[in-house]
Amino acid sequence: MSAEKKTEAFYKKLKAQLYDTSTWPSEYLYKFIVKSDAKKIAEVEVIFDNLGAVINTTESKNGKYTSISISVKMNNPEHVIEKYIEVSEKVEGVISL
């Protein structure tokens, strides 16, 4: 199975799980990991600008990586998935958790 098909299957499953476990609109917690680089962190943060998001960053023990937690009210699972895709397309090397 190609990486694109795996990604498509993952998002389809996530969408179903989000509909099953939450009432929408709902608060959603995103978690990302990037190399500790102010530019990379800013690239992630700007994607959630003007959404009323609460963003927390935590640097790893050795300072090489930074985890970014973003709590934001989303309208529906499609909107949640759109943001995951936007981050993965715009921020090189990001890891979505």
PDB file of N, CA and C in Angstrom:
ATOM      1  N   MET A   1       0.848  -1.184   0.000  1.00  0.00           N
ATOM      2  CA  MET A   1       0.000   0.000   0.000  1.00  0.00           C
ATOM      3  C   MET A   1       0.891   1.245   0.000  1.00  0.00           C
ATOM      4  N   SER A   2       0.567   2.204  -0.857  1.00  0.00           N
ATOM      5  CA  SER A   2       1.378   3.421  -0.952  1.00  0.00           C
ATOM      6  C   SER A   2       1.187   4.294   0.287  1.00  0.00           C
ATOM      7  N   ALA A   3       2.139   5.177   0.498  1.00  0.00           N
ATOM      8  CA  ALA A   3       2.071   6.087   1.643  1.00  0.00           C
ATOM      9  C   ALA A   3       0.825   6.965   1.554  1.00  0.00           C
ATOM     10  N   GLU A   4       0.475   7.378   0.336  1.00  0.00           N
ATOM     11  CA  GLU A   4      -0.710   8.220   0.146  1.00  0.00           C
ATOM     12  C   GLU A   4      -1.985   7.472   0.548  1.00  0.00           C
ATOM     13  N   LYS A   5      -2.078   6.200   0.180  1.00  0.00           N
ATOM     14  CA  LYS A   5      -3.253   5.391   0.544  1.00  0.00           C
ATOM     15  C   LYS A   5      -3.314   5.174   2.052  1.00  0.00           C
ATOM     16  N   LYS A   6      -2.138   4.956   2.691  1.00  0.00           N
ATOM     17  CA  LYS A   6      -2.095   4.789   4.142  1.00  0.00           C
ATOM     18  C   LYS A   6      -2.576   6.066   4.827  1.00  0.00           C
ATOM     19  N   THR A   7      -2.111   7.205   4.333  1.00  0.00           N
ATOM     20  CA  THR A   7      -2.513   8.492   4.902  1.00  0.00           C
ATOM     21  C   THR A   7      -4.012   8.693   4.732  1.00  0.00           C
ATOM     22  N   GLU A   8      -4.518   8.388   3.555  1.00  0.00           N
ATOM     23  CA  GLU A   8      -5.950   8.527   3.272  1.00  0.00           C
ATOM     24  C   GLU A   8      -6.767   7.629   4.207  1.00  0.00           C
ATOM     25  N   ALA A   9      -6.321   6.399   4.393  1.00  0.00           N
ATOM     26  CA  ALA A   9      -7.010   5.462   5.282  1.00  0.00           C
ATOM     27  C   ALA A   9      -6.960   5.952   6.730  1.00  0.00           C
ATOM     28  N   PHE A  10      -5.808   6.495   7.140  1.00  0.00           N
ATOM     29  CA  PHE A  10      -5.667   7.019   8.497  1.00  0.00           C
ATOM     30  C   PHE A  10      -6.669   8.137   8.748  1.00  0.00           C
ATOM     31  N   TYR A  11      -6.752   9.097   7.825  1.00  0.00           N
ATOM     32  CA  TYR A  11      -7.660  10.230   8.022  1.00  0.00           C
ATOM     33  C   TYR A  11      -9.126   9.796   7.971  1.00  0.00           C
ATOM     34  N   LYS A  12      -9.431   8.814   7.153  1.00  0.00           N
ATOM     35  CA  LYS A  12     -10.803   8.305   7.089  1.00  0.00           C
ATOM     36  C   LYS A  12     -11.193   7.677   8.435  1.00  0.00           C
ATOM     37  N   LYS A  13     -10.280   6.900   9.000  1.00  0.00           N
ATOM     38  CA  LYS A  13     -10.521   6.267  10.299  1.00  0.00           C
ATOM     39  C   LYS A  13     -10.626   7.324  11.404  1.00  0.00           C
ATOM     40  N   LEU A  14      -9.720   8.321  11.380  1.00  0.00           N
ATOM     41  CA  LEU A  14      -9.744   9.398  12.372  1.00  0.00           C
ATOM     42  C   LEU A  14     -11.072  10.147  12.310  1.00  0.00           C
ATOM     43  N   LYS A  15     -11.532  10.453  11.109  1.00  0.00           N
ATOM     44  CA  LYS A  15     -12.796  11.172  10.933  1.00  0.00           C
ATOM     45  C   LYS A  15     -13.948  10.396  11.572  1.00  0.00           C
ATOM     46  N   ALA A  16     -14.010   9.100  11.329  1.00  0.00           N
ATOM     47  CA  ALA A  16     -15.065   8.268  11.908  1.00  0.00           C
ATOM     48  C   ALA A  16     -14.969   8.260  13.435  1.00  0.00           C
ATOM     49  N   GLN A  17     -13.763   8.136  13.965  1.00  0.00           N
ATOM     50  CA  GLN A  17     -13.566   8.130  15.418  1.00  0.00           C
ATOM     51  C   GLN A  17     -13.983   9.462  16.038  1.00  0.00           C
ATOM     52  N   LEU A  18     -13.655  10.559  15.379  1.00  0.00           N
ATOM     53  CA  LEU A  18     -14.013  11.874  15.907  1.00  0.00           C
ATOM     54  C   LEU A  18     -15.529  12.063  15.936  1.00  0.00           C
ATOM     55  N   TYR A  19     -16.211  11.601  14.903  1.00  0.00           N
ATOM     56  CA  TYR A  19     -17.675  11.681  14.898  1.00  0.00           C
ATOM     57  C   TYR A  19     -18.275  10.814  16.001  1.00  0.00           C
ATOM     58  N   ASP A  20     -17.662   9.647  16.247  1.00  0.00           N
ATOM     59  CA  ASP A  20     -18.189   8.717  17.256  1.00  0.00           C
ATOM     60  C   ASP A  20     -17.945   9.174  18.691  1.00  0.00           C
ATOM     61  N   THR A  21     -16.876   9.927  18.923  1.00  0.00           N
ATOM     62  CA  THR A  21     -16.477  10.223  20.302  1.00  0.00           C
ATOM     63  C   THR A  21     -16.715  11.659  20.751  1.00  0.00           C
ATOM     64  N   SER A  22     -17.122  12.547  19.856  1.00  0.00           N
ATOM     65  CA  SER A  22     -17.279  13.951  20.235  1.00  0.00           C
ATOM     66  C   SER A  22     -18.556  14.543  19.666  1.00  0.00           C
ATOM     67  N   THR A  23     -19.036  15.594  20.338  1.00  0.00           N
ATOM     68  CA  THR A  23     -20.150  16.389  19.839  1.00  0.00           C
ATOM     69  C   THR A  23     -19.538  17.640  19.234  1.00  0.00           C
ATOM     70  N   TRP A  24     -19.935  17.984  18.027  1.00  0.00           N
ATOM     71  CA  TRP A  24     -19.304  19.095  17.310  1.00  0.00           C
ATOM     72  C   TRP A  24     -20.197  20.301  17.273  1.00  0.00           C
ATOM     73  N   PRO A  25     -19.626  21.524  17.364  1.00  0.00           N
ATOM     74  CA  PRO A  25     -18.215  21.868  17.512  1.00  0.00           C
ATOM     75  C   PRO A  25     -17.663  21.409  18.860  1.00  0.00           C
ATOM     76  N   SER A  26     -16.346  21.203  18.899  1.00  0.00           N
ATOM     77  CA  SER A  26     -15.698  20.655  20.082  1.00  0.00           C
ATOM     78  C   SER A  26     -14.259  21.158  20.196  1.00  0.00           C
ATOM     79  N   GLU A  27     -13.740  21.146  21.441  1.00  0.00           N
ATOM     80  CA  GLU A  27     -12.324  21.454  21.650  1.00  0.00           C
ATOM     81  C   GLU A  27     -11.516  20.265  21.146  1.00  0.00           C
ATOM     82  N   TYR A  28     -10.418  20.548  20.447  1.00  0.00           N
ATOM     83  CA  TYR A  28      -9.548  19.484  19.949  1.00  0.00           C
ATOM     84  C   TYR A  28      -8.113  19.834  20.321  1.00  0.00           C
ATOM     85  N   LEU A  29      -7.358  18.827  20.731  1.00  0.00           N
ATOM     86  CA  LEU A  29      -5.963  19.030  21.112  1.00  0.00           C
ATOM     87  C   LEU A  29      -5.049  18.418  20.055  1.00  0.00           C
ATOM     88  N   TYR A  30      -4.325  19.280  19.366  1.00  0.00           N
ATOM     89  CA  TYR A  30      -3.317  18.853  18.404  1.00  0.00           C
ATOM     90  C   TYR A  30      -1.982  18.753  19.127  1.00  0.00           C
ATOM     91  N   LYS A  31      -1.153  17.794  18.700  1.00  0.00           N
ATOM     92  CA  LYS A  31       0.205  17.696  19.229  1.00  0.00           C
ATOM     93  C   LYS A  31       1.146  17.463  18.046  1.00  0.00           C
ATOM     94  N   PHE A  32       2.175  18.300  17.997  1.00  0.00           N
ATOM     95  CA  PHE A  32       3.172  18.205  16.939  1.00  0.00           C
ATOM     96  C   PHE A  32       4.556  18.245  17.558  1.00  0.00           C
ATOM     97  N   ILE A  33       5.525  17.664  16.852  1.00  0.00           N
ATOM     98  CA  ILE A  33       6.921  17.755  17.259  1.00  0.00           C
ATOM     99  C   ILE A  33       7.703  18.284  16.061  1.00  0.00           C
ATOM    100  N   VAL A  34       8.547  19.297  16.339  1.00  0.00           N
ATOM    101  CA  VAL A  34       9.418  19.869  15.301  1.00  0.00           C
ATOM    102  C   VAL A  34      10.811  20.033  15.883  1.00  0.00           C
ATOM    103  N   LYS A  35      11.798  20.184  15.002  1.00  0.00           N
ATOM    104  CA  LYS A  35      13.142  20.524  15.486  1.00  0.00           C
ATOM    105  C   LYS A  35      13.039  21.871  16.177  1.00  0.00           C
ATOM    106  N   SER A  36      13.829  22.060  17.232  1.00  0.00           N
ATOM    107  CA  SER A  36      13.791  23.315  17.991  1.00  0.00           C
ATOM    108  C   SER A  36      14.377  24.443  17.152  1.00  0.00           C
ATOM    109  N   ASP A  37      13.524  25.033  16.360  1.00  0.00           N
ATOM    110  CA  ASP A  37      13.884  26.110  15.451  1.00  0.00           C
ATOM    111  C   ASP A  37      12.711  27.097  15.491  1.00  0.00           C
ATOM    112  N   ALA A  38      12.986  28.327  15.883  1.00  0.00           N
ATOM    113  CA  ALA A  38      11.924  29.328  16.041  1.00  0.00           C
ATOM    114  C   ALA A  38      11.087  29.470  14.772  1.00  0.00           C
ATOM    115  N   LYS A  39      11.716  29.349  13.605  1.00  0.00           N
ATOM    116  CA  LYS A  39      10.992  29.479  12.338  1.00  0.00           C
ATOM    117  C   LYS A  39       9.981  28.340  12.180  1.00  0.00           C
ATOM    118  N   LYS A  40      10.397  27.107  12.497  1.00  0.00           N
ATOM    119  CA  LYS A  40       9.495  25.946  12.383  1.00  0.00           C
ATOM    120  C   LYS A  40       8.309  26.088  13.339  1.00  0.00           C
ATOM    121  N   ILE A  41       8.594  26.497  14.563  1.00  0.00           N
ATOM    122  CA  ILE A  41       7.538  26.659  15.562  1.00  0.00           C
ATOM    123  C   ILE A  41       6.552  27.732  15.089  1.00  0.00           C
ATOM    124  N   ALA A  42       7.072  28.827  14.570  1.00  0.00           N
ATOM    125  CA  ALA A  42       6.221  29.912  14.071  1.00  0.00           C
ATOM    126  C   ALA A  42       5.372  29.453  12.888  1.00  0.00           C
ATOM    127  N   GLU A  43       5.933  28.595  12.031  1.00  0.00           N
ATOM    128  CA  GLU A  43       5.177  28.080  10.883  1.00  0.00           C
ATOM    129  C   GLU A  43       3.950  27.304  11.349  1.00  0.00           C
ATOM    130  N   VAL A  44       4.098  26.521  12.406  1.00  0.00           N
ATOM    131  CA  VAL A  44       2.958  25.773  12.944  1.00  0.00           C
ATOM    132  C   VAL A  44       1.965  26.742  13.582  1.00  0.00           C
ATOM    133  N   GLU A  45       2.464  27.661  14.389  1.00  0.00           N
ATOM    134  CA  GLU A  45       1.586  28.590  15.109  1.00  0.00           C
ATOM    135  C   GLU A  45       0.744  29.445  14.165  1.00  0.00           C
ATOM    136  N   VAL A  46       1.318  29.897  13.056  1.00  0.00           N
ATOM    137  CA  VAL A  46       0.592  30.776  12.133  1.00  0.00           C
ATOM    138  C   VAL A  46      -0.600  30.054  11.487  1.00  0.00           C
ATOM    139  N   ILE A  47      -0.525  28.754  11.341  1.00  0.00           N
ATOM    140  CA  ILE A  47      -1.624  27.983  10.758  1.00  0.00           C
ATOM    141  C   ILE A  47      -2.862  28.039  11.656  1.00  0.00           C
ATOM    142  N   PHE A  48      -2.648  28.228  12.956  1.00  0.00           N
ATOM    143  CA  PHE A  48      -3.759  28.266  13.902  1.00  0.00           C
ATOM    144  C   PHE A  48      -4.087  29.696  14.353  1.00  0.00           C
ATOM    145  N   ASP A  49      -3.489  30.684  13.676  1.00  0.00           N
ATOM    146  CA  ASP A  49      -3.746  32.090  13.974  1.00  0.00           C
ATOM    147  C   ASP A  49      -5.225  32.416  13.772  1.00  0.00           C
ATOM    148  N   ASN A  50      -5.748  33.314  14.565  1.00  0.00           N
ATOM    149  CA  ASN A  50      -7.119  33.806  14.448  1.00  0.00           C
ATOM    150  C   ASN A  50      -8.188  32.738  14.682  1.00  0.00           C
ATOM    151  N   LEU A  51      -7.836  31.640  15.348  1.00  0.00           N
ATOM    152  CA  LEU A  51      -8.810  30.605  15.673  1.00  0.00           C
ATOM    153  C   LEU A  51      -9.087  30.544  17.174  1.00  0.00           C
ATOM    154  N   GLY A  52      -8.433  31.415  17.935  1.00  0.00           N
ATOM    155  CA  GLY A  52      -8.593  31.393  19.385  1.00  0.00           C
ATOM    156  C   GLY A  52      -7.871  30.225  20.026  1.00  0.00           C
ATOM    157  N   ALA A  53      -6.836  29.743  19.388  1.00  0.00           N
ATOM    158  CA  ALA A  53      -6.096  28.576  19.874  1.00  0.00           C
ATOM    159  C   ALA A  53      -5.217  28.931  21.072  1.00  0.00           C
ATOM    160  N   VAL A  54      -5.107  27.972  21.994  1.00  0.00           N
ATOM    161  CA  VAL A  54      -4.166  28.081  23.106  1.00  0.00           C
ATOM    162  C   VAL A  54      -2.984  27.194  22.734  1.00  0.00           C
ATOM    163  N   ILE A  55      -1.807  27.811  22.609  1.00  0.00           N
ATOM    164  CA  ILE A  55      -0.630  27.088  22.130  1.00  0.00           C
ATOM    165  C   ILE A  55       0.426  27.037  23.228  1.00  0.00           C
ATOM    166  N   ASN A  56       0.895  25.819  23.523  1.00  0.00           N
ATOM    167  CA  ASN A  56       1.970  25.617  24.502  1.00  0.00           C
ATOM    168  C   ASN A  56       3.111  24.879  23.825  1.00  0.00           C
ATOM    169  N   THR A  57       4.336  25.305  24.117  1.00  0.00           N
ATOM    170  CA  THR A  57       5.508  24.619  23.570  1.00  0.00           C
ATOM    171  C   THR A  57       6.380  24.118  24.715  1.00  0.00           C
ATOM    172  N   THR A  58       6.986  22.950  24.498  1.00  0.00           N
ATOM    173  CA  THR A  58       7.889  22.369  25.482  1.00  0.00           C
ATOM    174  C   THR A  58       9.111  21.840  24.751  1.00  0.00           C
ATOM    175  N   GLU A  59      10.278  22.306  25.157  1.00  0.00           N
ATOM    176  CA  GLU A  59      11.515  21.857  24.534  1.00  0.00           C
ATOM    177  C   GLU A  59      11.937  20.525  25.146  1.00  0.00           C
ATOM    178  N   SER A  60      12.507  19.640  24.330  1.00  0.00           N
ATOM    179  CA  SER A  60      12.992  18.357  24.833  1.00  0.00           C
ATOM    180  C   SER A  60      14.161  18.587  25.789  1.00  0.00           C
ATOM    181  N   LYS A  61      14.498  17.545  26.543  1.00  0.00           N
ATOM    182  CA  LYS A  61      15.564  17.642  27.541  1.00  0.00           C
ATOM    183  C   LYS A  61      16.882  18.122  26.939  1.00  0.00           C
ATOM    184  N   ASN A  62      17.211  17.599  25.758  1.00  0.00           N
ATOM    185  CA  ASN A  62      18.479  17.992  25.135  1.00  0.00           C
ATOM    186  C   ASN A  62      18.342  19.224  24.234  1.00  0.00           C
ATOM    187  N   GLY A  63      17.119  19.756  24.115  1.00  0.00           N
ATOM    188  CA  GLY A  63      16.900  20.975  23.350  1.00  0.00           C
ATOM    189  C   GLY A  63      16.837  20.808  21.853  1.00  0.00           C
ATOM    190  N   LYS A  64      16.883  19.566  21.371  1.00  0.00           N
ATOM    191  CA  LYS A  64      16.906  19.315  19.938  1.00  0.00           C
ATOM    192  C   LYS A  64      15.517  19.438  19.303  1.00  0.00           C
ATOM    193  N   TYR A  65      14.474  19.077  20.058  1.00  0.00           N
ATOM    194  CA  TYR A  65      13.107  19.093  19.540  1.00  0.00           C
ATOM    195  C   TYR A  65      12.186  19.899  20.447  1.00  0.00           C
ATOM    196  N   THR A  66      11.088  20.371  19.873  1.00  0.00           N
ATOM    197  CA  THR A  66      10.073  21.093  20.632  1.00  0.00           C
ATOM    198  C   THR A  66       8.721  20.465  20.340  1.00  0.00           C
ATOM    199  N   SER A  67       7.959  20.188  21.407  1.00  0.00           N
ATOM    200  CA  SER A  67       6.597  19.700  21.208  1.00  0.00           C
ATOM    201  C   SER A  67       5.670  20.910  21.274  1.00  0.00           C
ATOM    202  N   ILE A  68       4.683  20.907  20.396  1.00  0.00           N
ATOM    203  CA  ILE A  68       3.712  21.998  20.328  1.00  0.00           C
ATOM    204  C   ILE A  68       2.333  21.405  20.566  1.00  0.00           C
ATOM    205  N   SER A  69       1.663  21.865  21.623  1.00  0.00           N
ATOM    206  CA  SER A  69       0.301  21.436  21.929  1.00  0.00           C
ATOM    207  C   SER A  69      -0.622  22.604  21.616  1.00  0.00           C
ATOM    208  N   ILE A  70      -1.662  22.323  20.846  1.00  0.00           N
ATOM    209  CA  ILE A  70      -2.581  23.375  20.424  1.00  0.00           C
ATOM    210  C   ILE A  70      -4.002  22.940  20.745  1.00  0.00           C
ATOM    211  N   SER A  71      -4.650  23.679  21.634  1.00  0.00           N
ATOM    212  CA  SER A  71      -6.038  23.414  21.988  1.00  0.00           C
ATOM    213  C   SER A  71      -6.898  24.466  21.297  1.00  0.00           C
ATOM    214  N   VAL A  72      -7.848  24.004  20.499  1.00  0.00           N
ATOM    215  CA  VAL A  72      -8.650  24.934  19.697  1.00  0.00           C
ATOM    216  C   VAL A  72     -10.036  24.346  19.452  1.00  0.00           C
ATOM    217  N   LYS A  73     -11.035  25.208  19.416  1.00  0.00           N
ATOM    218  CA  LYS A  73     -12.399  24.764  19.132  1.00  0.00           C
ATOM    219  C   LYS A  73     -12.540  24.593  17.625  1.00  0.00           C
ATOM    220  N   MET A  74     -12.919  23.382  17.221  1.00  0.00           N
ATOM    221  CA  MET A  74     -13.073  23.077  15.801  1.00  0.00           C
ATOM    222  C   MET A  74     -14.541  22.788  15.512  1.00  0.00           C
ATOM    223  N   ASN A  75     -14.983  23.088  14.290  1.00  0.00           N
ATOM    224  CA  ASN A  75     -16.384  22.943  13.925  1.00  0.00           C
ATOM    225  C   ASN A  75     -16.809  21.505  13.665  1.00  0.00           C
ATOM    226  N   ASN A  76     -15.897  20.715  13.088  1.00  0.00           N
ATOM    227  CA  ASN A  76     -16.241  19.329  12.728  1.00  0.00           C
ATOM    228  C   ASN A  76     -14.957  18.551  12.432  1.00  0.00           C
ATOM    229  N   PRO A  77     -15.053  17.225  12.343  1.00  0.00           N
ATOM    230  CA  PRO A  77     -13.859  16.414  12.058  1.00  0.00           C
ATOM    231  C   PRO A  77     -13.156  16.771  10.745  1.00  0.00           C
ATOM    232  N   GLU A  78     -13.914  17.206   9.745  1.00  0.00           N
ATOM    233  CA  GLU A  78     -13.281  17.594   8.479  1.00  0.00           C
ATOM    234  C   GLU A  78     -12.322  18.761   8.698  1.00  0.00           C
ATOM    235  N   HIS A  79     -12.736  19.714   9.540  1.00  0.00           N
ATOM    236  CA  HIS A  79     -11.898  20.879   9.838  1.00  0.00           C
ATOM    237  C   HIS A  79     -10.631  20.434  10.592  1.00  0.00           C
ATOM    238  N   VAL A  80     -10.779  19.479  11.509  1.00  0.00           N
ATOM    239  CA  VAL A  80      -9.624  18.934  12.245  1.00  0.00           C
ATOM    240  C   VAL A  80      -8.614  18.354  11.257  1.00  0.00           C
ATOM    241  N   ILE A  81      -9.097  17.548  10.344  1.00  0.00           N
ATOM    242  CA  ILE A  81      -8.228  16.873   9.371  1.00  0.00           C
ATOM    243  C   ILE A  81      -7.600  17.880   8.409  1.00  0.00           C
ATOM    244  N   GLU A  82      -8.362  18.903   7.991  1.00  0.00           N
ATOM    245  CA  GLU A  82      -7.805  19.938   7.111  1.00  0.00           C
ATOM    246  C   GLU A  82      -6.576  20.587   7.744  1.00  0.00           C
ATOM    247  N   LYS A  83      -6.624  20.840   9.052  1.00  0.00           N
ATOM    248  CA  LYS A  83      -5.486  21.475   9.728  1.00  0.00           C
ATOM    249  C   LYS A  83      -4.289  20.534   9.793  1.00  0.00           C
ATOM    250  N   TYR A  84      -4.542  19.229  10.058  1.00  0.00           N
ATOM    251  CA  TYR A  84      -3.435  18.263  10.047  1.00  0.00           C
ATOM    252  C   TYR A  84      -2.750  18.263   8.678  1.00  0.00           C
ATOM    253  N   ILE A  85      -3.544  18.248   7.619  1.00  0.00           N
ATOM    254  CA  ILE A  85      -2.997  18.214   6.265  1.00  0.00           C
ATOM    255  C   ILE A  85      -2.241  19.504   5.964  1.00  0.00           C
ATOM    256  N   GLU A  86      -2.814  20.645   6.365  1.00  0.00           N
ATOM    257  CA  GLU A  86      -2.156  21.934   6.135  1.00  0.00           C
ATOM    258  C   GLU A  86      -0.791  21.989   6.828  1.00  0.00           C
ATOM    259  N   VAL A  87      -0.729  21.529   8.074  1.00  0.00           N
ATOM    260  CA  VAL A  87       0.540  21.528   8.805  1.00  0.00           C
ATOM    261  C   VAL A  87       1.543  20.618   8.105  1.00  0.00           C
ATOM    262  N   SER A  88       1.113  19.419   7.723  1.00  0.00           N
ATOM    263  CA  SER A  88       2.056  18.473   7.097  1.00  0.00           C
ATOM    264  C   SER A  88       2.559  18.989   5.744  1.00  0.00           C
ATOM    265  N   GLU A  89       1.734  19.770   5.039  1.00  0.00           N
ATOM    266  CA  GLU A  89       2.154  20.303   3.744  1.00  0.00           C
ATOM    267  C   GLU A  89       3.052  21.537   3.873  1.00  0.00           C
ATOM    268  N   LYS A  90       2.842  22.340   4.913  1.00  0.00           N
ATOM    269  CA  LYS A  90       3.548  23.612   5.025  1.00  0.00           C
ATOM    270  C   LYS A  90       4.790  23.583   5.917  1.00  0.00           C
ATOM    271  N   VAL A  91       4.874  22.599   6.834  1.00  0.00           N
ATOM    272  CA  VAL A  91       5.984  22.572   7.778  1.00  0.00           C
ATOM    273  C   VAL A  91       6.816  21.319   7.535  1.00  0.00           C
ATOM    274  N   GLU A  92       7.980  21.507   6.974  1.00  0.00           N
ATOM    275  CA  GLU A  92       8.861  20.374   6.649  1.00  0.00           C
ATOM    276  C   GLU A  92       9.366  19.703   7.919  1.00  0.00           C
ATOM    277  N   GLY A  93       9.288  18.368   7.950  1.00  0.00           N
ATOM    278  CA  GLY A  93       9.844  17.601   9.061  1.00  0.00           C
ATOM    279  C   GLY A  93       8.974  17.531  10.303  1.00  0.00           C
ATOM    280  N   VAL A  94       7.744  18.032  10.230  1.00  0.00           N
ATOM    281  CA  VAL A  94       6.864  17.999  11.400  1.00  0.00           C
ATOM    282  C   VAL A  94       6.369  16.568  11.635  1.00  0.00           C
ATOM    283  N   ILE A  95       6.209  16.215  12.905  1.00  0.00           N
ATOM    284  CA  ILE A  95       5.641  14.919  13.280  1.00  0.00           C
ATOM    285  C   ILE A  95       4.326  15.215  13.974  1.00  0.00           C
ATOM    286  N   SER A  96       3.244  14.630  13.475  1.00  0.00           N
ATOM    287  CA  SER A  96       1.924  14.793  14.070  1.00  0.00           C
ATOM    288  C   SER A  96       1.657  13.615  14.996  1.00  0.00           C
ATOM    289  N   LEU A  97       1.190  13.920  16.186  1.00  0.00           N
ATOM    290  CA  LEU A  97       0.868  12.850  17.146  1.00  0.00           C
ATOM    291  C   LEU A  97      -0.630  12.743  17.309  1.00  0.00           C
TER     292      LEU A  97
END
